[in-house]
Amino acid sequence: MPLEGEYEPSTQAWVREQVERYEATGGREANTLRDTGIPIAIFWSRGAKSGKVRKNGLMRVEHEGAYAMVGSRGGAPTDPAWVANVRAHPDQITVQDGPEPWDGVAREVTGEERAQWWERAVAVYPDYADYARKTDREIPVFVVERRN
């Protein structure tokens, strides 16, 4: 069952509008990063402070049914806000890749596992490599797997 609770849409209009269009069409539309053709999935998380449901379209990096969430924020010096949400509530994640959302559990990956997922992510979205060069922080990578 998808994450329940009060939904707080993004303050960024393009993010809010993309999520709305994606959900309204079951992922048939608004399923790429703007006009790039690069596929996205919608990730729901519980706000670390507010407790409200938040939704973000992130690059669709999938491997054997698990999905990566890459906290790049374009190479900014700080993590995107959703990273704090996932760290605070890793067991409260919903993934929507198409019409049917599913419940998942996230875990932040490190070491060799992170390197493998990072390589997969860069293969999908090569700009991640540029973002990593632009920042002094290690860009966090989470893997979301279906809840049993």
N, C-alpha and C. Protein backbone atom coordinates (compact mmCIF):
# COMPACT_ATOMS: atom_id res chain seq x y z
N MET A 1 0.85 -1.18 0.00
CA MET A 1 0.00 0.00 0.00
C MET A 1 0.89 1.24 0.00
N PRO A 2 0.65 2.17 -0.92
CA PRO A 2 1.50 3.36 -0.98
C PRO A 2 1.50 4.15 0.32
N LEU A 3 2.56 4.88 0.51
CA LEU A 3 2.74 5.72 1.69
C LEU A 3 1.51 6.61 1.88
N GLU A 4 0.99 6.62 3.09
CA GLU A 4 -0.22 7.38 3.38
C GLU A 4 0.11 8.59 4.25
N GLY A 5 -0.78 9.56 4.21
CA GLY A 5 -0.64 10.76 5.02
C GLY A 5 -0.85 11.99 4.16
N GLU A 6 -0.74 13.14 4.80
CA GLU A 6 -0.93 14.39 4.09
C GLU A 6 0.21 14.60 3.10
N TYR A 7 -0.15 14.89 1.85
CA TYR A 7 0.83 15.11 0.79
C TYR A 7 1.16 16.59 0.71
N GLU A 8 2.44 16.90 0.71
CA GLU A 8 2.89 18.27 0.52
C GLU A 8 3.67 18.35 -0.79
N PRO A 9 3.05 18.94 -1.82
CA PRO A 9 3.73 19.04 -3.12
C PRO A 9 5.00 19.89 -3.04
N SER A 10 5.87 19.66 -3.99
CA SER A 10 7.12 20.41 -4.06
C SER A 10 6.84 21.90 -4.20
N THR A 11 7.74 22.71 -3.67
CA THR A 11 7.64 24.15 -3.85
C THR A 11 8.12 24.55 -5.25
N GLN A 12 8.83 23.65 -5.92
CA GLN A 12 9.28 23.92 -7.29
C GLN A 12 8.17 23.53 -8.26
N ALA A 13 7.67 24.50 -9.01
CA ALA A 13 6.51 24.28 -9.88
C ALA A 13 6.73 23.14 -10.87
N TRP A 14 7.91 23.08 -11.49
CA TRP A 14 8.12 22.05 -12.52
C TRP A 14 8.10 20.66 -11.91
N VAL A 15 8.61 20.50 -10.67
CA VAL A 15 8.59 19.20 -10.00
C VAL A 15 7.15 18.83 -9.66
N ARG A 16 6.44 19.78 -9.06
CA ARG A 16 5.05 19.56 -8.68
C ARG A 16 4.20 19.18 -9.90
N GLU A 17 4.37 19.92 -10.99
CA GLU A 17 3.58 19.66 -12.19
C GLU A 17 3.93 18.32 -12.83
N GLN A 18 5.21 17.95 -12.81
CA GLN A 18 5.60 16.67 -13.39
C GLN A 18 5.01 15.52 -12.59
N VAL A 19 5.09 15.58 -11.27
CA VAL A 19 4.54 14.52 -10.43
C VAL A 19 3.03 14.40 -10.68
N GLU A 20 2.34 15.54 -10.73
CA GLU A 20 0.89 15.52 -10.96
C GLU A 20 0.55 14.87 -12.29
N ARG A 21 1.27 15.22 -13.35
CA ARG A 21 0.99 14.67 -14.68
C ARG A 21 1.35 13.19 -14.74
N TYR A 22 2.45 12.82 -14.14
CA TYR A 22 2.86 11.42 -14.10
C TYR A 22 1.77 10.57 -13.44
N GLU A 23 1.34 11.01 -12.27
CA GLU A 23 0.33 10.25 -11.53
C GLU A 23 -1.01 10.22 -12.26
N ALA A 24 -1.40 11.34 -12.86
CA ALA A 24 -2.68 11.41 -13.56
C ALA A 24 -2.73 10.48 -14.76
N THR A 25 -1.58 10.18 -15.35
CA THR A 25 -1.55 9.33 -16.55
C THR A 25 -0.97 7.94 -16.28
N GLY A 26 -0.78 7.60 -15.02
CA GLY A 26 -0.20 6.30 -14.69
C GLY A 26 1.20 6.12 -15.25
N GLY A 27 1.92 7.23 -15.39
CA GLY A 27 3.29 7.17 -15.87
C GLY A 27 3.43 7.14 -17.39
N ARG A 28 2.33 7.26 -18.11
CA ARG A 28 2.42 7.29 -19.58
C ARG A 28 2.96 8.63 -20.08
N GLU A 29 2.78 9.68 -19.27
CA GLU A 29 3.28 11.02 -19.62
C GLU A 29 4.12 11.55 -18.46
N ALA A 30 4.93 12.56 -18.75
CA ALA A 30 5.79 13.19 -17.74
C ALA A 30 6.74 12.17 -17.12
N ASN A 31 7.15 11.17 -17.89
CA ASN A 31 7.98 10.09 -17.38
C ASN A 31 9.44 10.21 -17.78
N THR A 32 9.82 11.40 -18.22
CA THR A 32 11.23 11.68 -18.51
C THR A 32 11.62 13.00 -17.85
N LEU A 33 12.91 13.19 -17.67
CA LEU A 33 13.39 14.45 -17.10
C LEU A 33 13.16 15.55 -18.12
N ARG A 34 12.20 16.37 -17.82
CA ARG A 34 11.80 17.45 -18.72
C ARG A 34 11.75 16.93 -20.14
N ASP A 35 12.51 17.52 -21.05
CA ASP A 35 12.46 17.09 -22.45
C ASP A 35 13.71 16.35 -22.88
N THR A 36 14.36 15.65 -21.95
CA THR A 36 15.62 14.98 -22.27
C THR A 36 15.43 13.58 -22.83
N GLY A 37 14.29 12.98 -22.56
CA GLY A 37 14.08 11.59 -22.94
C GLY A 37 14.64 10.62 -21.92
N ILE A 38 15.28 11.10 -20.86
CA ILE A 38 15.85 10.23 -19.83
C ILE A 38 14.74 9.86 -18.86
N PRO A 39 14.49 8.55 -18.68
CA PRO A 39 13.36 8.12 -17.86
C PRO A 39 13.52 8.42 -16.38
N ILE A 40 12.38 8.69 -15.75
CA ILE A 40 12.33 8.91 -14.30
C ILE A 40 11.34 7.94 -13.67
N ALA A 41 11.42 7.83 -12.37
CA ALA A 41 10.40 7.17 -11.55
C ALA A 41 10.07 8.17 -10.44
N ILE A 42 8.92 8.02 -9.86
CA ILE A 42 8.50 8.89 -8.76
C ILE A 42 8.77 8.17 -7.44
N PHE A 43 9.46 8.86 -6.54
CA PHE A 43 9.80 8.31 -5.23
C PHE A 43 9.07 9.12 -4.17
N TRP A 44 8.34 8.44 -3.32
CA TRP A 44 7.63 9.06 -2.22
C TRP A 44 8.42 8.80 -0.95
N SER A 45 8.50 9.82 -0.11
CA SER A 45 9.15 9.66 1.18
C SER A 45 8.37 10.42 2.24
N ARG A 46 8.67 10.14 3.49
CA ARG A 46 8.03 10.83 4.62
C ARG A 46 8.96 11.95 5.06
N GLY A 47 8.43 13.17 5.18
CA GLY A 47 9.23 14.32 5.59
C GLY A 47 9.89 14.09 6.94
N ALA A 48 11.18 14.35 7.02
CA ALA A 48 11.94 14.14 8.25
C ALA A 48 11.41 15.02 9.38
N LYS A 49 11.03 16.24 9.06
CA LYS A 49 10.54 17.17 10.09
C LYS A 49 9.02 17.27 10.09
N SER A 50 8.43 17.37 8.91
CA SER A 50 6.98 17.60 8.82
C SER A 50 6.15 16.33 8.97
N GLY A 51 6.73 15.19 8.60
CA GLY A 51 5.98 13.94 8.59
C GLY A 51 5.05 13.81 7.40
N LYS A 52 5.04 14.82 6.53
CA LYS A 52 4.16 14.79 5.36
C LYS A 52 4.78 13.96 4.24
N VAL A 53 3.93 13.47 3.36
CA VAL A 53 4.39 12.71 2.20
C VAL A 53 4.95 13.68 1.17
N ARG A 54 6.15 13.37 0.70
CA ARG A 54 6.82 14.18 -0.33
C ARG A 54 7.07 13.28 -1.53
N LYS A 55 7.03 13.85 -2.74
CA LYS A 55 7.22 13.08 -3.96
C LYS A 55 8.22 13.78 -4.86
N ASN A 56 9.16 12.99 -5.38
CA ASN A 56 10.19 13.52 -6.27
C ASN A 56 10.39 12.59 -7.45
N GLY A 57 10.52 13.19 -8.62
CA GLY A 57 10.89 12.43 -9.80
C GLY A 57 12.41 12.36 -9.87
N LEU A 58 12.94 11.15 -9.85
CA LEU A 58 14.39 10.95 -9.93
C LEU A 58 14.70 10.04 -11.10
N MET A 59 15.94 10.09 -11.57
CA MET A 59 16.34 9.25 -12.68
C MET A 59 15.97 7.80 -12.41
N ARG A 60 15.49 7.13 -13.43
CA ARG A 60 15.10 5.72 -13.29
C ARG A 60 16.34 4.85 -13.45
N VAL A 61 16.92 4.48 -12.32
CA VAL A 61 18.09 3.62 -12.29
C VAL A 61 17.65 2.33 -11.60
N GLU A 62 17.40 1.30 -12.41
CA GLU A 62 16.83 0.05 -11.91
C GLU A 62 17.77 -1.09 -12.24
N HIS A 63 17.87 -2.03 -11.31
CA HIS A 63 18.67 -3.24 -11.52
C HIS A 63 18.03 -4.38 -10.75
N GLU A 64 17.59 -5.40 -11.48
CA GLU A 64 16.99 -6.59 -10.87
C GLU A 64 15.88 -6.26 -9.88
N GLY A 65 15.05 -5.27 -10.23
CA GLY A 65 13.90 -4.91 -9.41
C GLY A 65 14.18 -3.91 -8.30
N ALA A 66 15.44 -3.57 -8.07
CA ALA A 66 15.79 -2.54 -7.08
C ALA A 66 16.05 -1.24 -7.82
N TYR A 67 15.84 -0.13 -7.12
CA TYR A 67 16.00 1.19 -7.73
C TYR A 67 16.97 2.03 -6.91
N ALA A 68 17.76 2.84 -7.62
CA ALA A 68 18.66 3.77 -6.95
C ALA A 68 18.00 5.13 -6.82
N MET A 69 18.30 5.78 -5.72
CA MET A 69 17.96 7.19 -5.51
C MET A 69 19.31 7.90 -5.34
N VAL A 70 19.60 8.81 -6.26
CA VAL A 70 20.90 9.49 -6.28
C VAL A 70 20.69 10.93 -5.84
N GLY A 71 21.34 11.33 -4.75
CA GLY A 71 21.16 12.66 -4.17
C GLY A 71 22.13 13.67 -4.73
N SER A 72 22.06 13.91 -6.03
CA SER A 72 23.07 14.75 -6.69
C SER A 72 22.86 16.24 -6.48
N ARG A 73 21.64 16.68 -6.59
CA ARG A 73 21.30 18.11 -6.52
C ARG A 73 22.19 18.94 -7.45
N GLY A 74 22.48 18.36 -8.61
CA GLY A 74 23.24 19.08 -9.62
C GLY A 74 24.67 19.40 -9.23
N GLY A 75 25.18 18.70 -8.24
CA GLY A 75 26.55 18.97 -7.78
C GLY A 75 26.64 20.08 -6.76
N ALA A 76 25.51 20.48 -6.20
CA ALA A 76 25.49 21.52 -5.17
C ALA A 76 26.27 21.04 -3.94
N PRO A 77 26.70 21.96 -3.08
CA PRO A 77 27.49 21.56 -1.90
C PRO A 77 26.69 20.84 -0.81
N THR A 78 25.36 20.87 -0.90
CA THR A 78 24.53 20.20 0.10
C THR A 78 23.59 19.21 -0.57
N ASP A 79 23.14 18.24 0.21
CA ASP A 79 22.22 17.22 -0.28
C ASP A 79 20.85 17.83 -0.58
N PRO A 80 20.10 17.21 -1.49
CA PRO A 80 18.70 17.62 -1.65
C PRO A 80 17.93 17.29 -0.38
N ALA A 81 16.85 18.01 -0.13
CA ALA A 81 16.07 17.83 1.10
C ALA A 81 15.57 16.40 1.27
N TRP A 82 15.25 15.73 0.19
CA TRP A 82 14.69 14.39 0.31
C TRP A 82 15.68 13.40 0.94
N VAL A 83 16.98 13.67 0.87
CA VAL A 83 17.97 12.77 1.47
C VAL A 83 17.73 12.65 2.98
N ALA A 84 17.47 13.77 3.64
CA ALA A 84 17.18 13.74 5.08
C ALA A 84 15.92 12.93 5.36
N ASN A 85 14.94 13.02 4.47
CA ASN A 85 13.71 12.25 4.63
C ASN A 85 13.99 10.75 4.59
N VAL A 86 14.79 10.34 3.61
CA VAL A 86 15.08 8.92 3.44
C VAL A 86 15.93 8.41 4.60
N ARG A 87 16.88 9.21 5.04
CA ARG A 87 17.70 8.79 6.19
C ARG A 87 16.86 8.66 7.45
N ALA A 88 15.89 9.56 7.64
CA ALA A 88 15.05 9.53 8.84
C ALA A 88 14.01 8.41 8.79
N HIS A 89 13.52 8.10 7.60
CA HIS A 89 12.43 7.11 7.45
C HIS A 89 12.72 6.16 6.29
N PRO A 90 13.79 5.38 6.36
CA PRO A 90 14.14 4.52 5.22
C PRO A 90 13.11 3.43 4.93
N ASP A 91 12.28 3.13 5.90
CA ASP A 91 11.26 2.09 5.71
C ASP A 91 9.93 2.65 5.23
N GLN A 92 9.92 3.95 4.89
CA GLN A 92 8.69 4.59 4.42
C GLN A 92 8.93 5.21 3.04
N ILE A 93 9.17 4.34 2.08
CA ILE A 93 9.43 4.76 0.71
C ILE A 93 8.43 4.05 -0.20
N THR A 94 7.89 4.78 -1.14
CA THR A 94 7.06 4.20 -2.20
C THR A 94 7.71 4.56 -3.52
N VAL A 95 7.75 3.58 -4.42
CA VAL A 95 8.30 3.78 -5.76
C VAL A 95 7.17 3.64 -6.75
N GLN A 96 7.09 4.58 -7.68
CA GLN A 96 6.12 4.48 -8.76
C GLN A 96 6.86 4.56 -10.09
N ASP A 97 6.92 3.43 -10.76
CA ASP A 97 7.53 3.33 -12.09
C ASP A 97 6.48 2.73 -13.00
N GLY A 98 5.56 3.58 -13.44
CA GLY A 98 4.39 3.13 -14.19
C GLY A 98 3.15 3.34 -13.35
N PRO A 99 2.08 2.61 -13.66
CA PRO A 99 0.80 2.89 -13.00
C PRO A 99 0.68 2.39 -11.56
N GLU A 100 1.47 1.39 -11.16
CA GLU A 100 1.29 0.78 -9.84
C GLU A 100 2.44 1.10 -8.89
N PRO A 101 2.21 1.95 -7.89
CA PRO A 101 3.25 2.19 -6.88
C PRO A 101 3.43 0.98 -5.97
N TRP A 102 4.63 0.84 -5.43
CA TRP A 102 4.91 -0.25 -4.50
C TRP A 102 5.74 0.27 -3.33
N ASP A 103 5.60 -0.42 -2.20
CA ASP A 103 6.29 -0.04 -0.98
C ASP A 103 7.70 -0.62 -0.96
N GLY A 104 8.63 0.21 -0.50
CA GLY A 104 10.00 -0.24 -0.44
C GLY A 104 10.70 0.19 0.82
N VAL A 105 11.90 -0.31 0.97
CA VAL A 105 12.79 0.05 2.06
C VAL A 105 14.09 0.50 1.42
N ALA A 106 14.58 1.66 1.86
CA ALA A 106 15.81 2.22 1.31
C ALA A 106 16.98 1.96 2.25
N ARG A 107 18.14 1.84 1.65
CA ARG A 107 19.37 1.78 2.44
C ARG A 107 20.45 2.52 1.67
N GLU A 108 21.22 3.28 2.42
CA GLU A 108 22.32 4.03 1.81
C GLU A 108 23.46 3.06 1.56
N VAL A 109 24.00 3.06 0.35
CA VAL A 109 25.05 2.11 0.01
C VAL A 109 26.41 2.80 0.03
N THR A 110 27.43 2.00 0.33
CA THR A 110 28.81 2.49 0.42
C THR A 110 29.73 1.49 -0.27
N GLY A 111 30.99 1.86 -0.36
CA GLY A 111 32.02 0.96 -0.84
C GLY A 111 31.77 0.43 -2.23
N GLU A 112 32.04 -0.85 -2.42
CA GLU A 112 31.91 -1.49 -3.73
C GLU A 112 30.48 -1.47 -4.23
N GLU A 113 29.53 -1.68 -3.32
CA GLU A 113 28.13 -1.65 -3.75
C GLU A 113 27.74 -0.27 -4.27
N ARG A 114 28.19 0.77 -3.59
CA ARG A 114 27.92 2.13 -4.07
C ARG A 114 28.56 2.33 -5.44
N ALA A 115 29.79 1.88 -5.60
CA ALA A 115 30.49 2.04 -6.87
C ALA A 115 29.72 1.37 -8.01
N GLN A 116 29.15 0.19 -7.76
CA GLN A 116 28.37 -0.49 -8.79
C GLN A 116 27.11 0.29 -9.14
N TRP A 117 26.41 0.78 -8.13
CA TRP A 117 25.20 1.55 -8.38
C TRP A 117 25.53 2.91 -9.02
N TRP A 118 26.64 3.50 -8.61
CA TRP A 118 27.06 4.77 -9.21
C TRP A 118 27.31 4.57 -10.71
N GLU A 119 27.98 3.50 -11.06
CA GLU A 119 28.24 3.20 -12.47
C GLU A 119 26.94 3.04 -13.25
N ARG A 120 25.98 2.35 -12.67
CA ARG A 120 24.66 2.19 -13.31
C ARG A 120 23.98 3.55 -13.49
N ALA A 121 24.08 4.38 -12.45
CA ALA A 121 23.44 5.70 -12.49
C ALA A 121 24.07 6.57 -13.57
N VAL A 122 25.39 6.58 -13.65
CA VAL A 122 26.08 7.40 -14.66
C VAL A 122 25.76 6.89 -16.07
N ALA A 123 25.54 5.58 -16.22
CA ALA A 123 25.16 5.03 -17.52
C ALA A 123 23.80 5.56 -17.96
N VAL A 124 22.90 5.75 -17.01
CA VAL A 124 21.58 6.29 -17.32
C VAL A 124 21.65 7.80 -17.52
N TYR A 125 22.40 8.48 -16.67
CA TYR A 125 22.45 9.94 -16.66
C TYR A 125 23.90 10.39 -16.51
N PRO A 126 24.62 10.54 -17.63
CA PRO A 126 26.05 10.86 -17.58
C PRO A 126 26.38 12.15 -16.82
N ASP A 127 25.45 13.07 -16.69
CA ASP A 127 25.72 14.31 -15.96
C ASP A 127 26.08 14.06 -14.50
N TYR A 128 25.69 12.91 -13.94
CA TYR A 128 26.07 12.61 -12.56
C TYR A 128 27.58 12.69 -12.36
N ALA A 129 28.34 12.23 -13.34
CA ALA A 129 29.81 12.27 -13.23
C ALA A 129 30.29 13.72 -13.12
N ASP A 130 29.69 14.62 -13.90
CA ASP A 130 30.04 16.04 -13.80
C ASP A 130 29.65 16.61 -12.44
N TYR A 131 28.49 16.22 -11.95
CA TYR A 131 28.04 16.71 -10.65
C TYR A 131 29.01 16.31 -9.55
N ALA A 132 29.51 15.08 -9.63
CA ALA A 132 30.45 14.59 -8.61
C ALA A 132 31.73 15.40 -8.62
N ARG A 133 32.17 15.83 -9.80
CA ARG A 133 33.38 16.64 -9.90
C ARG A 133 33.17 18.06 -9.37
N LYS A 134 31.93 18.53 -9.41
CA LYS A 134 31.62 19.90 -8.99
C LYS A 134 31.54 20.08 -7.47
N THR A 135 31.42 18.99 -6.73
CA THR A 135 31.17 19.10 -5.30
C THR A 135 32.23 18.37 -4.48
N ASP A 136 32.42 18.83 -3.25
CA ASP A 136 33.36 18.17 -2.34
C ASP A 136 32.70 17.04 -1.57
N ARG A 137 31.38 16.98 -1.57
CA ARG A 137 30.69 15.92 -0.82
C ARG A 137 30.58 14.66 -1.68
N GLU A 138 30.49 13.52 -1.01
CA GLU A 138 30.18 12.30 -1.75
C GLU A 138 28.67 12.28 -1.94
N ILE A 139 28.26 12.19 -3.17
CA ILE A 139 26.84 12.18 -3.48
C ILE A 139 26.23 10.88 -2.95
N PRO A 140 25.21 11.00 -2.09
CA PRO A 140 24.62 9.80 -1.50
C PRO A 140 23.83 8.99 -2.53
N VAL A 141 23.93 7.68 -2.40
CA VAL A 141 23.19 6.75 -3.24
C VAL A 141 22.45 5.80 -2.31
N PHE A 142 21.15 5.70 -2.52
CA PHE A 142 20.30 4.78 -1.78
C PHE A 142 19.77 3.72 -2.74
N VAL A 143 19.61 2.52 -2.24
CA VAL A 143 18.97 1.46 -3.01
C VAL A 143 17.64 1.14 -2.34
N VAL A 144 16.59 1.12 -3.14
CA VAL A 144 15.25 0.82 -2.64
C VAL A 144 14.83 -0.55 -3.17
N GLU A 145 14.48 -1.41 -2.24
CA GLU A 145 14.01 -2.76 -2.58
C GLU A 145 12.60 -2.94 -2.04
N ARG A 146 11.85 -3.80 -2.70
CA ARG A 146 10.46 -4.05 -2.26
C ARG A 146 10.43 -4.55 -0.82
N ARG A 147 9.44 -4.04 -0.11
CA ARG A 147 9.23 -4.49 1.27
C ARG A 147 8.63 -5.88 1.22
N ASN A 148 9.13 -6.76 2.07
CA ASN A 148 8.61 -8.15 2.11
C ASN A 148 7.30 -8.24 2.83
